[in-house]
Amino acid sequence: MYRTFIRTWWRVNKEWPRGLEPHAGRKSWCTTWSNEAQARQECQEYNSTHNPGRLSRKMEYTSV
């Protein structure tokens, strides 16, 4: 089983260069899949159709 989630990789901190501090944000859970290929495909589709923005918001997956 695999679960997909969305999170950011940066947070705003004006004391850091470019005003961004490395930070793995909280996971927002999305979907549970029975195999890794399905989870990977959902992540690829989401990431190709959504702008990650300044904080680099992306979909990932993990095994359950």
PDB file of N, CA and C in Angstrom:
ATOM      1  N   MET A   1       0.844  -1.181   0.000  1.00  0.00           N
ATOM      2  CA  MET A   1       0.000   0.000   0.000  1.00  0.00           C
ATOM      3  C   MET A   1       0.893   1.249   0.000  1.00  0.00           C
ATOM      4  N   TYR A   2       0.429   2.265  -0.710  1.00  0.00           N
ATOM      5  CA  TYR A   2       1.152   3.532  -0.815  1.00  0.00           C
ATOM      6  C   TYR A   2       0.175   4.686  -0.635  1.00  0.00           C
ATOM      7  N   ARG A   3       0.637   5.734   0.023  1.00  0.00           N
ATOM      8  CA  ARG A   3      -0.196   6.914   0.242  1.00  0.00           C
ATOM      9  C   ARG A   3       0.474   8.127  -0.384  1.00  0.00           C
ATOM     10  N   THR A   4      -0.326   8.928  -1.071  1.00  0.00           N
ATOM     11  CA  THR A   4       0.192  10.158  -1.648  1.00  0.00           C
ATOM     12  C   THR A   4      -0.107  11.320  -0.701  1.00  0.00           C
ATOM     13  N   PHE A   5       0.747  12.328  -0.770  1.00  0.00           N
ATOM     14  CA  PHE A   5       0.569  13.515   0.066  1.00  0.00           C
ATOM     15  C   PHE A   5       1.209  14.719  -0.608  1.00  0.00           C
ATOM     16  N   ILE A   6       0.830  15.888  -0.160  1.00  0.00           N
ATOM     17  CA  ILE A   6       1.366  17.146  -0.681  1.00  0.00           C
ATOM     18  C   ILE A   6       2.018  17.884   0.475  1.00  0.00           C
ATOM     19  N   ARG A   7       3.179  18.511   0.203  1.00  0.00           N
ATOM     20  CA  ARG A   7       3.824  19.347   1.204  1.00  0.00           C
ATOM     21  C   ARG A   7       4.767  20.332   0.519  1.00  0.00           C
ATOM     22  N   THR A   8       5.189  21.322   1.271  1.00  0.00           N
ATOM     23  CA  THR A   8       6.150  22.298   0.771  1.00  0.00           C
ATOM     24  C   THR A   8       7.541  21.945   1.296  1.00  0.00           C
ATOM     25  N   TRP A   9       8.561  22.480   0.632  1.00  0.00           N
ATOM     26  CA  TRP A   9       9.941  22.202   1.023  1.00  0.00           C
ATOM     27  C   TRP A   9      10.670  23.432   1.541  1.00  0.00           C
ATOM     28  N   TRP A  10      10.014  24.585   1.564  1.00  0.00           N
ATOM     29  CA  TRP A  10      10.621  25.825   2.048  1.00  0.00           C
ATOM     30  C   TRP A  10       9.613  26.572   2.905  1.00  0.00           C
ATOM     31  N   ARG A  11      10.115  27.446   3.774  1.00  0.00           N
ATOM     32  CA  ARG A  11       9.234  28.362   4.495  1.00  0.00           C
ATOM     33  C   ARG A  11       9.870  29.748   4.449  1.00  0.00           C
ATOM     34  N   VAL A  12       9.021  30.741   4.543  1.00  0.00           N
ATOM     35  CA  VAL A  12       9.481  32.123   4.465  1.00  0.00           C
ATOM     36  C   VAL A  12      10.233  32.477   5.742  1.00  0.00           C
ATOM     37  N   ASN A  13      11.441  33.020   5.566  1.00  0.00           N
ATOM     38  CA  ASN A  13      12.249  33.498   6.677  1.00  0.00           C
ATOM     39  C   ASN A  13      13.171  34.569   6.104  1.00  0.00           C
ATOM     40  N   LYS A  14      12.862  35.820   6.376  1.00  0.00           N
ATOM     41  CA  LYS A  14      13.595  36.927   5.744  1.00  0.00           C
ATOM     42  C   LYS A  14      15.063  36.991   6.153  1.00  0.00           C
ATOM     43  N   GLU A  15      15.475  36.250   7.171  1.00  0.00           N
ATOM     44  CA  GLU A  15      16.871  36.238   7.596  1.00  0.00           C
ATOM     45  C   GLU A  15      17.732  35.261   6.790  1.00  0.00           C
ATOM     46  N   TRP A  16      17.116  34.419   5.991  1.00  0.00           N
ATOM     47  CA  TRP A  16      17.841  33.465   5.148  1.00  0.00           C
ATOM     48  C   TRP A  16      18.027  34.066   3.754  1.00  0.00           C
ATOM     49  N   PRO A  17      19.022  33.567   2.990  1.00  0.00           N
ATOM     50  CA  PRO A  17      19.201  34.030   1.611  1.00  0.00           C
ATOM     51  C   PRO A  17      17.919  33.824   0.797  1.00  0.00           C
ATOM     52  N   ARG A  18      17.594  34.774  -0.031  1.00  0.00           N
ATOM     53  CA  ARG A  18      16.375  34.762  -0.860  1.00  0.00           C
ATOM     54  C   ARG A  18      15.106  34.737  -0.023  1.00  0.00           C
ATOM     55  N   GLY A  19      15.222  34.877   1.293  1.00  0.00           N
ATOM     56  CA  GLY A  19      14.049  34.906   2.159  1.00  0.00           C
ATOM     57  C   GLY A  19      13.385  33.562   2.362  1.00  0.00           C
ATOM     58  N   LEU A  20      14.089  32.472   2.056  1.00  0.00           N
ATOM     59  CA  LEU A  20      13.532  31.124   2.192  1.00  0.00           C
ATOM     60  C   LEU A  20      14.450  30.243   3.025  1.00  0.00           C
ATOM     61  N   GLU A  21      13.844  29.520   3.950  1.00  0.00           N
ATOM     62  CA  GLU A  21      14.572  28.582   4.803  1.00  0.00           C
ATOM     63  C   GLU A  21      14.147  27.157   4.445  1.00  0.00           C
ATOM     64  N   PRO A  22      15.087  26.215   4.296  1.00  0.00           N
ATOM     65  CA  PRO A  22      14.709  24.820   4.019  1.00  0.00           C
ATOM     66  C   PRO A  22      13.825  24.286   5.152  1.00  0.00           C
ATOM     67  N   HIS A  23      12.714  23.676   4.781  1.00  0.00           N
ATOM     68  CA  HIS A  23      11.791  23.162   5.789  1.00  0.00           C
ATOM     69  C   HIS A  23      10.806  22.206   5.121  1.00  0.00           C
ATOM     70  N   ALA A  24      10.819  20.953   5.536  1.00  0.00           N
ATOM     71  CA  ALA A  24       9.834  19.988   5.040  1.00  0.00           C
ATOM     72  C   ALA A  24       8.537  20.227   5.790  1.00  0.00           C
ATOM     73  N   GLY A  25       7.539  20.726   5.076  1.00  0.00           N
ATOM     74  CA  GLY A  25       6.263  21.071   5.689  1.00  0.00           C
ATOM     75  C   GLY A  25       5.438  19.862   6.094  1.00  0.00           C
ATOM     76  N   ARG A  26       4.331  20.141   6.761  1.00  0.00           N
ATOM     77  CA  ARG A  26       3.423  19.088   7.195  1.00  0.00           C
ATOM     78  C   ARG A  26       2.796  18.406   5.985  1.00  0.00           C
ATOM     79  N   LYS A  27       2.600  17.103   6.068  1.00  0.00           N
ATOM     80  CA  LYS A  27       2.019  16.330   4.972  1.00  0.00           C
ATOM     81  C   LYS A  27       0.504  16.468   4.981  1.00  0.00           C
ATOM     82  N   SER A  28      -0.062  16.773   3.812  1.00  0.00           N
ATOM     83  CA  SER A  28      -1.518  16.759   3.615  1.00  0.00           C
ATOM     84  C   SER A  28      -1.827  15.503   2.811  1.00  0.00           C
ATOM     85  N   TRP A  29      -2.404  14.509   3.484  1.00  0.00           N
ATOM     86  CA  TRP A  29      -2.628  13.205   2.855  1.00  0.00           C
ATOM     87  C   TRP A  29      -3.707  13.290   1.790  1.00  0.00           C
ATOM     88  N   CYS A  30      -3.522  12.538   0.710  1.00  0.00           N
ATOM     89  CA  CYS A  30      -4.459  12.575  -0.420  1.00  0.00           C
ATOM     90  C   CYS A  30      -5.155  11.239  -0.641  1.00  0.00           C
ATOM     91  N   THR A  31      -4.428  10.259  -1.193  1.00  0.00           N
ATOM     92  CA  THR A  31      -5.039   9.007  -1.629  1.00  0.00           C
ATOM     93  C   THR A  31      -4.180   7.818  -1.219  1.00  0.00           C
ATOM     94  N   THR A  32      -4.816   6.659  -1.033  1.00  0.00           N
ATOM     95  CA  THR A  32      -4.102   5.412  -0.775  1.00  0.00           C
ATOM     96  C   THR A  32      -4.220   4.531  -2.021  1.00  0.00           C
ATOM     97  N   TRP A  33      -3.085   3.949  -2.434  1.00  0.00           N
ATOM     98  CA  TRP A  33      -3.038   3.117  -3.632  1.00  0.00           C
ATOM     99  C   TRP A  33      -2.531   1.728  -3.268  1.00  0.00           C
ATOM    100  N   SER A  34      -2.930   0.733  -4.054  1.00  0.00           N
ATOM    101  CA  SER A  34      -2.507  -0.643  -3.782  1.00  0.00           C
ATOM    102  C   SER A  34      -1.117  -0.944  -4.325  1.00  0.00           C
ATOM    103  N   ASN A  35      -0.633  -0.146  -5.295  1.00  0.00           N
ATOM    104  CA  ASN A  35       0.710  -0.404  -5.806  1.00  0.00           C
ATOM    105  C   ASN A  35       1.459   0.900  -6.079  1.00  0.00           C
ATOM    106  N   GLU A  36       2.768   0.772  -6.143  1.00  0.00           N
ATOM    107  CA  GLU A  36       3.642   1.936  -6.282  1.00  0.00           C
ATOM    108  C   GLU A  36       3.463   2.649  -7.621  1.00  0.00           C
ATOM    109  N   ALA A  37       3.197   1.911  -8.674  1.00  0.00           N
ATOM    110  CA  ALA A  37       3.037   2.516  -9.999  1.00  0.00           C
ATOM    111  C   ALA A  37       1.881   3.510 -10.018  1.00  0.00           C
ATOM    112  N   GLN A  38       0.767   3.168  -9.358  1.00  0.00           N
ATOM    113  CA  GLN A  38      -0.378   4.072  -9.303  1.00  0.00           C
ATOM    114  C   GLN A  38      -0.036   5.337  -8.521  1.00  0.00           C
ATOM    115  N   ALA A  39       0.630   5.170  -7.401  1.00  0.00           N
ATOM    116  CA  ALA A  39       1.015   6.318  -6.580  1.00  0.00           C
ATOM    117  C   ALA A  39       1.976   7.230  -7.351  1.00  0.00           C
ATOM    118  N   ARG A  40       2.951   6.639  -8.010  1.00  0.00           N
ATOM    119  CA  ARG A  40       3.921   7.403  -8.792  1.00  0.00           C
ATOM    120  C   ARG A  40       3.224   8.169  -9.910  1.00  0.00           C
ATOM    121  N   GLN A  41       2.275   7.526 -10.587  1.00  0.00           N
ATOM    122  CA  GLN A  41       1.564   8.176 -11.679  1.00  0.00           C
ATOM    123  C   GLN A  41       0.756   9.373 -11.171  1.00  0.00           C
ATOM    124  N   GLU A  42       0.071   9.219 -10.039  1.00  0.00           N
ATOM    125  CA  GLU A  42      -0.693  10.341  -9.502  1.00  0.00           C
ATOM    126  C   GLU A  42       0.226  11.515  -9.174  1.00  0.00           C
ATOM    127  N   CYS A  43       1.379  11.231  -8.596  1.00  0.00           N
ATOM    128  CA  CYS A  43       2.336  12.296  -8.271  1.00  0.00           C
ATOM    129  C   CYS A  43       2.828  12.994  -9.525  1.00  0.00           C
ATOM    130  N   GLN A  44       3.157  12.240 -10.548  1.00  0.00           N
ATOM    131  CA  GLN A  44       3.640  12.831 -11.794  1.00  0.00           C
ATOM    132  C   GLN A  44       2.576  13.708 -12.440  1.00  0.00           C
ATOM    133  N   GLU A  45       1.329  13.241 -12.435  1.00  0.00           N
ATOM    134  CA  GLU A  45       0.240  14.027 -13.015  1.00  0.00           C
ATOM    135  C   GLU A  45       0.028  15.322 -12.239  1.00  0.00           C
ATOM    136  N   TYR A  46      -0.011  15.224 -10.921  1.00  0.00           N
ATOM    137  CA  TYR A  46      -0.212  16.420 -10.100  1.00  0.00           C
ATOM    138  C   TYR A  46       0.931  17.415 -10.304  1.00  0.00           C
ATOM    139  N   ASN A  47       2.155  16.951 -10.203  1.00  0.00           N
ATOM    140  CA  ASN A  47       3.312  17.837 -10.300  1.00  0.00           C
ATOM    141  C   ASN A  47       3.465  18.462 -11.680  1.00  0.00           C
ATOM    142  N   SER A  48       2.988  17.790 -12.726  1.00  0.00           N
ATOM    143  CA  SER A  48       3.091  18.355 -14.073  1.00  0.00           C
ATOM    144  C   SER A  48       1.989  19.368 -14.364  1.00  0.00           C
ATOM    145  N   THR A  49       0.915  19.355 -13.571  1.00  0.00           N
ATOM    146  CA  THR A  49      -0.198  20.277 -13.831  1.00  0.00           C
ATOM    147  C   THR A  49      -0.347  21.365 -12.766  1.00  0.00           C
ATOM    148  N   HIS A  50       0.465  21.348 -11.736  1.00  0.00           N
ATOM    149  CA  HIS A  50       0.392  22.350 -10.674  1.00  0.00           C
ATOM    150  C   HIS A  50       1.734  23.066 -10.533  1.00  0.00           C
ATOM    151  N   ASN A  51       1.663  24.380 -10.449  1.00  0.00           N
ATOM    152  CA  ASN A  51       2.863  25.186 -10.259  1.00  0.00           C
ATOM    153  C   ASN A  51       3.309  25.038  -8.807  1.00  0.00           C
ATOM    154  N   PRO A  52       4.561  24.616  -8.553  1.00  0.00           N
ATOM    155  CA  PRO A  52       5.015  24.417  -7.176  1.00  0.00           C
ATOM    156  C   PRO A  52       5.166  25.720  -6.391  1.00  0.00           C
ATOM    157  N   GLY A  53       5.250  26.832  -7.098  1.00  0.00           N
ATOM    158  CA  GLY A  53       5.354  28.120  -6.429  1.00  0.00           C
ATOM    159  C   GLY A  53       6.677  28.316  -5.705  1.00  0.00           C
ATOM    160  N   ARG A  54       6.752  29.410  -4.986  1.00  0.00           N
ATOM    161  CA  ARG A  54       7.992  29.795  -4.303  1.00  0.00           C
ATOM    162  C   ARG A  54       8.406  28.800  -3.219  1.00  0.00           C
ATOM    163  N   LEU A  55       7.431  28.165  -2.576  1.00  0.00           N
ATOM    164  CA  LEU A  55       7.728  27.251  -1.473  1.00  0.00           C
ATOM    165  C   LEU A  55       7.902  25.803  -1.930  1.00  0.00           C
ATOM    166  N   SER A  56       7.862  25.565  -3.230  1.00  0.00           N
ATOM    167  CA  SER A  56       8.071  24.251  -3.830  1.00  0.00           C
ATOM    168  C   SER A  56       7.086  23.206  -3.285  1.00  0.00           C
ATOM    169  N   ARG A  57       5.797  23.476  -3.466  1.00  0.00           N
ATOM    170  CA  ARG A  57       4.747  22.553  -3.032  1.00  0.00           C
ATOM    171  C   ARG A  57       4.603  21.451  -4.065  1.00  0.00           C
ATOM    172  N   LYS A  58       4.810  20.195  -3.647  1.00  0.00           N
ATOM    173  CA  LYS A  58       4.782  19.060  -4.562  1.00  0.00           C
ATOM    174  C   LYS A  58       4.087  17.861  -3.938  1.00  0.00           C
ATOM    175  N   MET A  59       3.626  16.949  -4.805  1.00  0.00           N
ATOM    176  CA  MET A  59       3.033  15.695  -4.337  1.00  0.00           C
ATOM    177  C   MET A  59       4.116  14.625  -4.314  1.00  0.00           C
ATOM    178  N   GLU A  60       4.077  13.797  -3.271  1.00  0.00           N
ATOM    179  CA  GLU A  60       5.007  12.684  -3.107  1.00  0.00           C
ATOM    180  C   GLU A  60       4.205  11.467  -2.648  1.00  0.00           C
ATOM    181  N   TYR A  61       4.887  10.352  -2.453  1.00  0.00           N
ATOM    182  CA  TYR A  61       4.221   9.170  -1.920  1.00  0.00           C
ATOM    183  C   TYR A  61       5.158   8.428  -0.965  1.00  0.00           C
ATOM    184  N   THR A  62       4.560   7.599  -0.138  1.00  0.00           N
ATOM    185  CA  THR A  62       5.302   6.782   0.808  1.00  0.00           C
ATOM    186  C   THR A  62       4.600   5.439   0.971  1.00  0.00           C
ATOM    187  N   SER A  63       5.346   4.427   1.358  1.00  0.00           N
ATOM    188  CA  SER A  63       4.724   3.125   1.602  1.00  0.00           C
ATOM    189  C   SER A  63       4.068   3.142   2.980  1.00  0.00           C
ATOM    190  N   VAL A  64       2.994   2.373   3.082  1.00  0.00           N
ATOM    191  CA  VAL A  64       2.238   2.312   4.349  1.00  0.00           C
ATOM    192  C   VAL A  64       2.589   1.036   5.060  1.00  0.00           C
TER     193      VAL A  64
END
